[in-house]
Amino acid sequence: MISVLILTKNEEQDLPGCLASVAWCDDVHVFDSFSEDRTVEIARQAGAKITQRKFDNWSAHQNWGLANIPFKYAWVLYIDADERVSTGLREALMAFDQEGDAVAYEIQRRDFAWNGRWLKHAQISPFYLRFFRPDKMRYERLVNPVSLPDGPVGRLHGYLDHYPFSKGFRYWLQRHLSYADMEAAMRLEDMGKGTNFSLQKALFSKDFTEKRYHQKGLFYKMPGRPFIKWLYMVLWRRAFLDGIAGTTYATLQSIYEYFIVLKTKELVSKQNSK
């Protein structure tokens, strides 16, 4: 058997559907950041175990959870409230049998647009390390954390379905504005430390997490990033094949990138004025 970990903060809208998709599990943990709505009440009514901690940043919060939450089983499935375990993934998890020395498994996530369309081409990162032994996993970065397993990685069949627009465009934009603040802070930190990123690892690393880390670091140094990202998503990844939803999503991601550019310039200006 496995345990389930769900991170929450004011998730009364999405949490019921998320909990329903993991109702087959007898050890569901809701890791809550002191929600002010009915999130905790909903979790308690569903029989989930509740742990609360004030949120500081993504990696610190996740690392604390893995180290301190008393999971019943050795393997944990980590999901967010706006995600759902598909039937195929549920079957794979219930039939899980560890392969060799693997300490974590990648799961393919499907992002869905506001109109219910799967953003099959527009989605940049389809695989995530969401099933693992908590004692063998840690995270780095303030936002969009990098998963760092201490051992080999496998891949699990089945989809984890994600609905990032479940609360509407306004919520998505507001959330990504806060993400931009943290991304800019990390960019400033990297600039101060003179962090080096490898083009070879960005292009050829067999470790998906390492590859994405170096890709992101090199990408942040490029001029015209928002436009480059839009071209990459629409033309290279063929987001246009996802219809209007795909091109709109690419545009929103480019706007998010521009948020990071503006926030980084603001922080640099403040630093230079001291």
C-alpha atoms as a PDB file:
ATOM      1  CA  MET A   1       0.000   0.000   0.000  1.00  0.00           C
ATOM      2  CA  ILE A   2       0.933   3.656  -0.354  1.00  0.00           C
ATOM      3  CA  SER A   3       0.284   6.973   1.402  1.00  0.00           C
ATOM      4  CA  VAL A   4      -1.008  10.150  -0.266  1.00  0.00           C
ATOM      5  CA  LEU A   5       0.161  13.703   0.453  1.00  0.00           C
ATOM      6  CA  ILE A   6      -1.945  16.705  -0.611  1.00  0.00           C
ATOM      7  CA  LEU A   7      -0.716  20.293  -0.108  1.00  0.00           C
ATOM      8  CA  THR A   8      -3.445  22.867   0.522  1.00  0.00           C
ATOM      9  CA  LYS A   9      -4.123  26.548   1.143  1.00  0.00           C
ATOM     10  CA  ASN A  10      -7.756  27.665   0.833  1.00  0.00           C
ATOM     11  CA  GLU A  11      -8.706  24.769  -1.426  1.00  0.00           C
ATOM     12  CA  GLU A  12     -12.365  24.234  -0.506  1.00  0.00           C
ATOM     13  CA  GLN A  13     -13.307  24.334  -4.204  1.00  0.00           C
ATOM     14  CA  ASP A  14     -10.836  21.779  -5.579  1.00  0.00           C
ATOM     15  CA  LEU A  15     -10.131  19.548  -2.595  1.00  0.00           C
ATOM     16  CA  PRO A  16     -13.344  17.432  -2.703  1.00  0.00           C
ATOM     17  CA  GLY A  17     -12.591  16.215  -6.237  1.00  0.00           C
ATOM     18  CA  CYS A  18      -8.969  15.558  -5.353  1.00  0.00           C
ATOM     19  CA  LEU A  19      -9.920  13.543  -2.268  1.00  0.00           C
ATOM     20  CA  ALA A  20     -12.487  11.572  -4.270  1.00  0.00           C
ATOM     21  CA  SER A  21      -9.761  10.535  -6.729  1.00  0.00           C
ATOM     22  CA  VAL A  22      -7.678   9.016  -3.892  1.00  0.00           C
ATOM     23  CA  ALA A  23     -10.560   7.533  -1.888  1.00  0.00           C
ATOM     24  CA  TRP A  24      -9.002   4.089  -2.447  1.00  0.00           C
ATOM     25  CA  CYS A  25      -6.109   5.026  -0.119  1.00  0.00           C
ATOM     26  CA  ASP A  26      -6.378   4.465   3.642  1.00  0.00           C
ATOM     27  CA  ASP A  27      -3.579   6.916   4.537  1.00  0.00           C
ATOM     28  CA  VAL A  28      -4.332  10.341   3.038  1.00  0.00           C
ATOM     29  CA  HIS A  29      -2.506  13.325   4.538  1.00  0.00           C
ATOM     30  CA  VAL A  30      -3.570  16.933   3.930  1.00  0.00           C
ATOM     31  CA  PHE A  31      -0.628  19.261   4.576  1.00  0.00           C
ATOM     32  CA  ASP A  32      -2.331  22.605   5.089  1.00  0.00           C
ATOM     33  CA  SER A  33      -0.913  26.139   5.303  1.00  0.00           C
ATOM     34  CA  PHE A  34      -3.551  27.388   7.779  1.00  0.00           C
ATOM     35  CA  SER A  35      -6.416  27.741   5.326  1.00  0.00           C
ATOM     36  CA  GLU A  36      -9.069  30.332   6.120  1.00  0.00           C
ATOM     37  CA  ASP A  37     -11.924  28.578   4.329  1.00  0.00           C
ATOM     38  CA  ARG A  38     -13.491  25.098   4.732  1.00  0.00           C
ATOM     39  CA  THR A  39     -10.414  23.193   3.511  1.00  0.00           C
ATOM     40  CA  VAL A  40      -9.592  21.564   6.863  1.00  0.00           C
ATOM     41  CA  GLU A  41     -13.235  20.756   7.558  1.00  0.00           C
ATOM     42  CA  ILE A  42     -13.601  19.051   4.166  1.00  0.00           C
ATOM     43  CA  ALA A  43     -10.392  17.086   4.698  1.00  0.00           C
ATOM     44  CA  ARG A  44     -11.489  15.970   8.157  1.00  0.00           C
ATOM     45  CA  GLN A  45     -14.924  14.870   6.910  1.00  0.00           C
ATOM     46  CA  ALA A  46     -13.219  12.759   4.245  1.00  0.00           C
ATOM     47  CA  GLY A  47     -11.149  11.000   6.899  1.00  0.00           C
ATOM     48  CA  ALA A  48      -7.823  12.565   5.918  1.00  0.00           C
ATOM     49  CA  LYS A  49      -5.088  13.183   8.480  1.00  0.00           C
ATOM     50  CA  ILE A  50      -4.262  16.885   8.828  1.00  0.00           C
ATOM     51  CA  THR A  51      -0.931  18.564   9.463  1.00  0.00           C
ATOM     52  CA  GLN A  52      -0.613  22.365   9.472  1.00  0.00           C
ATOM     53  CA  ARG A  53       2.435  24.577   8.995  1.00  0.00           C
ATOM     54  CA  LYS A  54       2.865  28.205   7.981  1.00  0.00           C
ATOM     55  CA  PHE A  55       4.080  28.377   4.378  1.00  0.00           C
ATOM     56  CA  ASP A  56       7.488  30.006   3.814  1.00  0.00           C
ATOM     57  CA  ASN A  57       8.646  28.756   0.409  1.00  0.00           C
ATOM     58  CA  TRP A  58       7.962  25.668  -1.681  1.00  0.00           C
ATOM     59  CA  SER A  59      11.116  23.636  -1.117  1.00  0.00           C
ATOM     60  CA  ALA A  60      11.327  24.322   2.632  1.00  0.00           C
ATOM     61  CA  HIS A  61       7.640  23.504   3.055  1.00  0.00           C
ATOM     62  CA  GLN A  62       7.821  20.274   1.088  1.00  0.00           C
ATOM     63  CA  ASN A  63      11.043  19.138   2.769  1.00  0.00           C
ATOM     64  CA  TRP A  64       9.520  19.753   6.201  1.00  0.00           C
ATOM     65  CA  GLY A  65       6.445  17.751   5.261  1.00  0.00           C
ATOM     66  CA  LEU A  66       8.407  14.738   4.063  1.00  0.00           C
ATOM     67  CA  ALA A  67      10.559  14.773   7.193  1.00  0.00           C
ATOM     68  CA  ASN A  68       7.819  15.288   9.786  1.00  0.00           C
ATOM     69  CA  ILE A  69       4.514  13.847   8.587  1.00  0.00           C
ATOM     70  CA  PRO A  70       4.016  10.297   9.979  1.00  0.00           C
ATOM     71  CA  PHE A  71       3.210   8.388   6.798  1.00  0.00           C
ATOM     72  CA  LYS A  72       1.857   4.885   7.323  1.00  0.00           C
ATOM     73  CA  TYR A  73       3.593   3.404   4.292  1.00  0.00           C
ATOM     74  CA  ALA A  74       7.080   3.570   2.771  1.00  0.00           C
ATOM     75  CA  TRP A  75       5.877   5.038  -0.542  1.00  0.00           C
ATOM     76  CA  VAL A  76       4.117   8.394  -0.970  1.00  0.00           C
ATOM     77  CA  LEU A  77       2.111   9.855  -3.835  1.00  0.00           C
ATOM     78  CA  TYR A  78       2.291  13.669  -3.744  1.00  0.00           C
ATOM     79  CA  ILE A  79      -0.468  15.664  -5.462  1.00  0.00           C
ATOM     80  CA  ASP A  80      -1.973  19.150  -5.362  1.00  0.00           C
ATOM     81  CA  ALA A  81      -5.633  19.947  -4.740  1.00  0.00           C
ATOM     82  CA  ASP A  82      -6.211  20.872  -8.394  1.00  0.00           C
ATOM     83  CA  GLU A  83      -4.949  17.461  -9.556  1.00  0.00           C
ATOM     84  CA  ARG A  84      -6.789  14.170  -9.939  1.00  0.00           C
ATOM     85  CA  VAL A  85      -5.538  10.582 -10.022  1.00  0.00           C
ATOM     86  CA  SER A  86      -6.856   9.021 -13.237  1.00  0.00           C
ATOM     87  CA  THR A  87      -8.271   5.505 -13.369  1.00  0.00           C
ATOM     88  CA  GLY A  88      -5.144   4.259 -15.145  1.00  0.00           C
ATOM     89  CA  LEU A  89      -2.812   5.775 -12.561  1.00  0.00           C
ATOM     90  CA  ARG A  90      -4.913   4.416  -9.706  1.00  0.00           C
ATOM     91  CA  GLU A  91      -4.644   0.914 -11.155  1.00  0.00           C
ATOM     92  CA  ALA A  92      -0.871   1.282 -11.590  1.00  0.00           C
ATOM     93  CA  LEU A  93      -0.464   2.468  -8.007  1.00  0.00           C
ATOM     94  CA  MET A  94      -2.600  -0.294  -6.529  1.00  0.00           C
ATOM     95  CA  ALA A  95      -0.615  -2.882  -8.481  1.00  0.00           C
ATOM     96  CA  PHE A  96       2.714  -1.215  -7.675  1.00  0.00           C
ATOM     97  CA  ASP A  97       5.729  -3.469  -7.321  1.00  0.00           C
ATOM     98  CA  GLN A  98       9.086  -1.766  -6.914  1.00  0.00           C
ATOM     99  CA  GLU A  99      11.434  -2.165  -9.859  1.00  0.00           C
ATOM    100  CA  GLY A 100      15.027  -2.796  -8.792  1.00  0.00           C
ATOM    101  CA  ASP A 101      16.585  -0.046  -6.705  1.00  0.00           C
ATOM    102  CA  ALA A 102      14.283   2.809  -7.771  1.00  0.00           C
ATOM    103  CA  VAL A 103      13.491   5.297  -4.987  1.00  0.00           C
ATOM    104  CA  ALA A 104      11.164   7.502  -7.050  1.00  0.00           C
ATOM    105  CA  TYR A 105       8.954   7.277 -10.125  1.00  0.00           C
ATOM    106  CA  GLU A 106       8.025   9.788 -12.794  1.00  0.00           C
ATOM    107  CA  ILE A 107       4.344  10.229 -13.552  1.00  0.00           C
ATOM    108  CA  GLN A 108       3.000  11.869 -16.696  1.00  0.00           C
ATOM    109  CA  ARG A 109       0.788  14.851 -15.928  1.00  0.00           C
ATOM    110  CA  ARG A 110      -1.909  16.112 -18.266  1.00  0.00           C
ATOM    111  CA  ASP A 111      -2.645  19.832 -17.996  1.00  0.00           C
ATOM    112  CA  PHE A 112      -6.165  20.802 -19.018  1.00  0.00           C
ATOM    113  CA  ALA A 113      -7.297  24.219 -20.251  1.00  0.00           C
ATOM    114  CA  TRP A 114     -10.324  26.141 -18.953  1.00  0.00           C
ATOM    115  CA  ASN A 115     -12.440  24.559 -21.695  1.00  0.00           C
ATOM    116  CA  GLY A 116     -11.473  21.013 -20.697  1.00  0.00           C
ATOM    117  CA  ARG A 117      -9.028  20.476 -23.554  1.00  0.00           C
ATOM    118  CA  TRP A 118      -5.818  18.600 -22.822  1.00  0.00           C
ATOM    119  CA  LEU A 119      -2.870  20.906 -23.563  1.00  0.00           C
ATOM    120  CA  LYS A 120      -0.991  17.984 -25.060  1.00  0.00           C
ATOM    121  CA  HIS A 121       1.434  20.050 -27.140  1.00  0.00           C
ATOM    122  CA  ALA A 122       1.509  23.313 -25.178  1.00  0.00           C
ATOM    123  CA  GLN A 123       2.470  21.623 -21.920  1.00  0.00           C
ATOM    124  CA  ILE A 124       6.216  22.120 -21.395  1.00  0.00           C
ATOM    125  CA  SER A 125       6.980  19.515 -18.720  1.00  0.00           C
ATOM    126  CA  PRO A 126       4.880  16.340 -18.901  1.00  0.00           C
ATOM    127  CA  PHE A 127       6.778  14.168 -16.388  1.00  0.00           C
ATOM    128  CA  TYR A 128       7.070  14.818 -12.657  1.00  0.00           C
ATOM    129  CA  LEU A 129       8.580  12.876  -9.749  1.00  0.00           C
ATOM    130  CA  ARG A 130       5.432  12.489  -7.690  1.00  0.00           C
ATOM    131  CA  PHE A 131       5.727   8.944  -6.337  1.00  0.00           C
ATOM    132  CA  PHE A 132       8.652   8.270  -4.051  1.00  0.00           C
ATOM    133  CA  ARG A 133      10.078   7.141  -0.756  1.00  0.00           C
ATOM    134  CA  PRO A 134       9.974  10.275   1.425  1.00  0.00           C
ATOM    135  CA  ASP A 135      13.274   9.443   3.087  1.00  0.00           C
ATOM    136  CA  LYS A 136      14.936   9.481  -0.350  1.00  0.00           C
ATOM    137  CA  MET A 137      13.504  12.742  -1.691  1.00  0.00           C
ATOM    138  CA  ARG A 138      14.308  16.411  -1.151  1.00  0.00           C
ATOM    139  CA  TYR A 139      13.535  19.672  -2.930  1.00  0.00           C
ATOM    140  CA  GLU A 140      15.429  22.823  -3.910  1.00  0.00           C
ATOM    141  CA  ARG A 141      14.328  26.285  -5.209  1.00  0.00           C
ATOM    142  CA  LEU A 142      11.832  28.698  -3.654  1.00  0.00           C
ATOM    143  CA  VAL A 143       9.203  28.107  -6.362  1.00  0.00           C
ATOM    144  CA  ASN A 144       8.754  25.448  -9.057  1.00  0.00           C
ATOM    145  CA  PRO A 145      11.028  23.298  -6.893  1.00  0.00           C
ATOM    146  CA  VAL A 146      13.462  20.779  -8.309  1.00  0.00           C
ATOM    147  CA  SER A 147      12.963  17.196  -7.099  1.00  0.00           C
ATOM    148  CA  LEU A 148      16.215  15.554  -6.036  1.00  0.00           C
ATOM    149  CA  PRO A 149      15.862  11.796  -5.422  1.00  0.00           C
ATOM    150  CA  ASP A 150      18.654   9.964  -3.634  1.00  0.00           C
ATOM    151  CA  GLY A 151      18.769   7.006  -5.972  1.00  0.00           C
ATOM    152  CA  PRO A 152      17.525   5.597  -9.305  1.00  0.00           C
ATOM    153  CA  VAL A 153      14.269   6.751 -10.899  1.00  0.00           C
ATOM    154  CA  GLY A 154      11.621   4.696 -12.698  1.00  0.00           C
ATOM    155  CA  ARG A 155       8.459   5.601 -14.579  1.00  0.00           C
ATOM    156  CA  LEU A 156       4.873   4.716 -13.680  1.00  0.00           C
ATOM    157  CA  HIS A 157       2.039   4.272 -16.178  1.00  0.00           C
ATOM    158  CA  GLY A 158      -1.163   6.305 -15.970  1.00  0.00           C
ATOM    159  CA  TYR A 159      -1.958  10.016 -15.941  1.00  0.00           C
ATOM    160  CA  LEU A 160      -2.095  12.598 -13.185  1.00  0.00           C
ATOM    161  CA  ASP A 161      -4.691  15.106 -14.405  1.00  0.00           C
ATOM    162  CA  HIS A 162      -4.112  18.794 -13.610  1.00  0.00           C
ATOM    163  CA  TYR A 163      -6.644  21.648 -13.831  1.00  0.00           C
ATOM    164  CA  PRO A 164      -4.624  24.870 -13.376  1.00  0.00           C
ATOM    165  CA  PHE A 165      -7.535  27.105 -14.445  1.00  0.00           C
ATOM    166  CA  SER A 166     -10.127  25.587 -12.118  1.00  0.00           C
ATOM    167  CA  LYS A 167     -10.365  28.890 -10.207  1.00  0.00           C
ATOM    168  CA  GLY A 168     -10.321  31.090 -13.314  1.00  0.00           C
ATOM    169  CA  PHE A 169      -7.850  33.330 -15.137  1.00  0.00           C
ATOM    170  CA  ARG A 170      -7.646  35.955 -12.375  1.00  0.00           C
ATOM    171  CA  TYR A 171      -6.481  33.397  -9.835  1.00  0.00           C
ATOM    172  CA  TRP A 172      -3.954  31.949 -12.314  1.00  0.00           C
ATOM    173  CA  LEU A 173      -2.472  35.396 -12.994  1.00  0.00           C
ATOM    174  CA  GLN A 174      -2.366  36.373  -9.312  1.00  0.00           C
ATOM    175  CA  ARG A 175      -0.667  33.115  -8.410  1.00  0.00           C
ATOM    176  CA  HIS A 176       1.919  33.524 -11.140  1.00  0.00           C
ATOM    177  CA  LEU A 177       2.625  37.078 -10.032  1.00  0.00           C
ATOM    178  CA  SER A 178       3.665  35.656  -6.660  1.00  0.00           C
ATOM    179  CA  TYR A 179       5.682  32.953  -8.425  1.00  0.00           C
ATOM    180  CA  ALA A 180       7.444  35.689 -10.417  1.00  0.00           C
ATOM    181  CA  ASP A 181       8.511  37.372  -7.168  1.00  0.00           C
ATOM    182  CA  MET A 182      10.211  34.186  -6.003  1.00  0.00           C
ATOM    183  CA  GLU A 183      11.720  33.384  -9.407  1.00  0.00           C
ATOM    184  CA  ALA A 184      13.205  36.897  -9.558  1.00  0.00           C
ATOM    185  CA  ALA A 185      14.625  36.518  -6.044  1.00  0.00           C
ATOM    186  CA  MET A 186      16.342  33.279  -7.080  1.00  0.00           C
ATOM    187  CA  ARG A 187      17.618  34.899 -10.275  1.00  0.00           C
ATOM    188  CA  LEU A 188      19.165  37.689  -8.206  1.00  0.00           C
ATOM    189  CA  GLU A 189      20.732  35.132  -5.866  1.00  0.00           C
ATOM    190  CA  ASP A 190      22.241  33.203  -8.795  1.00  0.00           C
ATOM    191  CA  MET A 191      23.636  36.458 -10.223  1.00  0.00           C
ATOM    192  CA  GLY A 192      25.208  37.306  -6.871  1.00  0.00           C
ATOM    193  CA  LYS A 193      26.797  33.882  -6.444  1.00  0.00           C
ATOM    194  CA  GLY A 194      27.905  33.641 -10.064  1.00  0.00           C
ATOM    195  CA  THR A 195      26.153  30.289 -10.463  1.00  0.00           C
ATOM    196  CA  ASN A 196      27.223  28.459 -13.614  1.00  0.00           C
ATOM    197  CA  PHE A 197      24.840  26.431 -15.754  1.00  0.00           C
ATOM    198  CA  SER A 198      25.931  23.751 -18.218  1.00  0.00           C
ATOM    199  CA  LEU A 199      24.747  23.790 -21.830  1.00  0.00           C
ATOM    200  CA  GLN A 200      25.788  20.148 -22.189  1.00  0.00           C
ATOM    201  CA  LYS A 201      23.619  19.101 -19.231  1.00  0.00           C
ATOM    202  CA  ALA A 202      20.776  21.318 -20.433  1.00  0.00           C
ATOM    203  CA  LEU A 203      20.746  19.505 -23.777  1.00  0.00           C
ATOM    204  CA  PHE A 204      21.936  15.967 -23.102  1.00  0.00           C
ATOM    205  CA  SER A 205      21.516  15.049 -19.427  1.00  0.00           C
ATOM    206  CA  LYS A 206      19.584  11.795 -18.998  1.00  0.00           C
ATOM    207  CA  ASP A 207      18.371  13.058 -15.615  1.00  0.00           C
ATOM    208  CA  PHE A 208      15.183  15.033 -16.356  1.00  0.00           C
ATOM    209  CA  THR A 209      15.442  17.094 -13.153  1.00  0.00           C
ATOM    210  CA  GLU A 210      19.082  18.039 -13.781  1.00  0.00           C
ATOM    211  CA  LYS A 211      18.332  18.804 -17.432  1.00  0.00           C
ATOM    212  CA  ARG A 212      15.447  21.131 -16.556  1.00  0.00           C
ATOM    213  CA  TYR A 213      17.490  22.886 -13.839  1.00  0.00           C
ATOM    214  CA  HIS A 214      20.257  23.823 -16.284  1.00  0.00           C
ATOM    215  CA  GLN A 215      17.775  24.695 -19.035  1.00  0.00           C
ATOM    216  CA  LYS A 216      16.006  27.131 -16.740  1.00  0.00           C
ATOM    217  CA  GLY A 217      19.283  28.667 -15.536  1.00  0.00           C
ATOM    218  CA  LEU A 218      20.541  29.257 -19.088  1.00  0.00           C
ATOM    219  CA  PHE A 219      17.144  30.472 -20.276  1.00  0.00           C
ATOM    220  CA  TYR A 220      17.105  33.212 -17.633  1.00  0.00           C
ATOM    221  CA  LYS A 221      20.269  34.686 -19.169  1.00  0.00           C
ATOM    222  CA  MET A 222      18.732  35.087 -22.629  1.00  0.00           C
ATOM    223  CA  PRO A 223      17.403  38.440 -23.886  1.00  0.00           C
ATOM    224  CA  GLY A 224      13.832  38.541 -25.156  1.00  0.00           C
ATOM    225  CA  ARG A 225      12.815  35.530 -23.056  1.00  0.00           C
ATOM    226  CA  PRO A 226       9.034  36.100 -23.179  1.00  0.00           C
ATOM    227  CA  PHE A 227       8.999  36.168 -26.983  1.00  0.00           C
ATOM    228  CA  ILE A 228      11.400  33.223 -27.240  1.00  0.00           C
ATOM    229  CA  LYS A 229       9.172  31.208 -24.909  1.00  0.00           C
ATOM    230  CA  TRP A 230       6.102  32.006 -26.987  1.00  0.00           C
ATOM    231  CA  LEU A 231       7.841  30.926 -30.201  1.00  0.00           C
ATOM    232  CA  TYR A 232       9.144  27.770 -28.537  1.00  0.00           C
ATOM    233  CA  MET A 233       5.712  26.772 -27.284  1.00  0.00           C
ATOM    234  CA  VAL A 234       3.685  27.722 -30.348  1.00  0.00           C
ATOM    235  CA  LEU A 235       6.075  26.644 -33.131  1.00  0.00           C
ATOM    236  CA  TRP A 236       8.564  24.142 -31.708  1.00  0.00           C
ATOM    237  CA  ARG A 237       6.164  22.334 -29.377  1.00  0.00           C
ATOM    238  CA  ARG A 238       3.275  22.998 -31.793  1.00  0.00           C
ATOM    239  CA  ALA A 239       0.911  24.443 -29.218  1.00  0.00           C
ATOM    240  CA  PHE A 240      -1.221  25.610 -32.131  1.00  0.00           C
ATOM    241  CA  LEU A 241      -2.347  21.987 -32.531  1.00  0.00           C
ATOM    242  CA  ASP A 242      -4.176  22.415 -29.219  1.00  0.00           C
ATOM    243  CA  GLY A 243      -6.296  25.101 -30.871  1.00  0.00           C
ATOM    244  CA  ILE A 244      -7.080  28.474 -29.328  1.00  0.00           C
ATOM    245  CA  ALA A 245      -6.503  26.969 -25.875  1.00  0.00           C
ATOM    246  CA  GLY A 246      -2.915  26.091 -26.832  1.00  0.00           C
ATOM    247  CA  THR A 247      -1.959  29.501 -28.240  1.00  0.00           C
ATOM    248  CA  THR A 248      -3.684  31.284 -25.347  1.00  0.00           C
ATOM    249  CA  TYR A 249      -1.796  29.164 -22.837  1.00  0.00           C
ATOM    250  CA  ALA A 250       1.493  29.934 -24.616  1.00  0.00           C
ATOM    251  CA  THR A 251       0.664  33.637 -24.418  1.00  0.00           C
ATOM    252  CA  LEU A 252      -0.107  33.400 -20.700  1.00  0.00           C
ATOM    253  CA  GLN A 253       3.184  31.599 -20.082  1.00  0.00           C
ATOM    254  CA  SER A 254       5.009  34.355 -21.990  1.00  0.00           C
ATOM    255  CA  ILE A 255       3.279  36.990 -19.857  1.00  0.00           C
ATOM    256  CA  TYR A 256       4.432  35.093 -16.770  1.00  0.00           C
ATOM    257  CA  GLU A 257       7.979  35.157 -18.127  1.00  0.00           C
ATOM    258  CA  TYR A 258       7.655  38.919 -18.602  1.00  0.00           C
ATOM    259  CA  PHE A 259       6.537  39.237 -14.976  1.00  0.00           C
ATOM    260  CA  ILE A 260       9.825  37.594 -13.956  1.00  0.00           C
ATOM    261  CA  VAL A 261      11.839  39.928 -16.213  1.00  0.00           C
ATOM    262  CA  LEU A 262      10.163  43.031 -14.755  1.00  0.00           C
ATOM    263  CA  LYS A 263      10.468  41.835 -11.164  1.00  0.00           C
ATOM    264  CA  THR A 264      14.159  40.972 -11.638  1.00  0.00           C
ATOM    265  CA  LYS A 265      14.842  44.461 -13.041  1.00  0.00           C
ATOM    266  CA  GLU A 266      13.013  45.967 -10.076  1.00  0.00           C
ATOM    267  CA  LEU A 267      15.094  43.992  -7.572  1.00  0.00           C
ATOM    268  CA  VAL A 268      18.364  44.829  -9.346  1.00  0.00           C
ATOM    269  CA  SER A 269      17.408  48.526  -9.355  1.00  0.00           C
ATOM    270  CA  LYS A 270      16.669  48.451  -5.644  1.00  0.00           C
ATOM    271  CA  GLN A 271      19.938  46.639  -4.935  1.00  0.00           C
ATOM    272  CA  ASN A 272      21.970  49.157  -6.965  1.00  0.00           C
ATOM    273  CA  SER A 273      20.321  52.114  -5.237  1.00  0.00           C
ATOM    274  CA  LYS A 274      21.469  51.006  -1.800  1.00  0.00           C
END
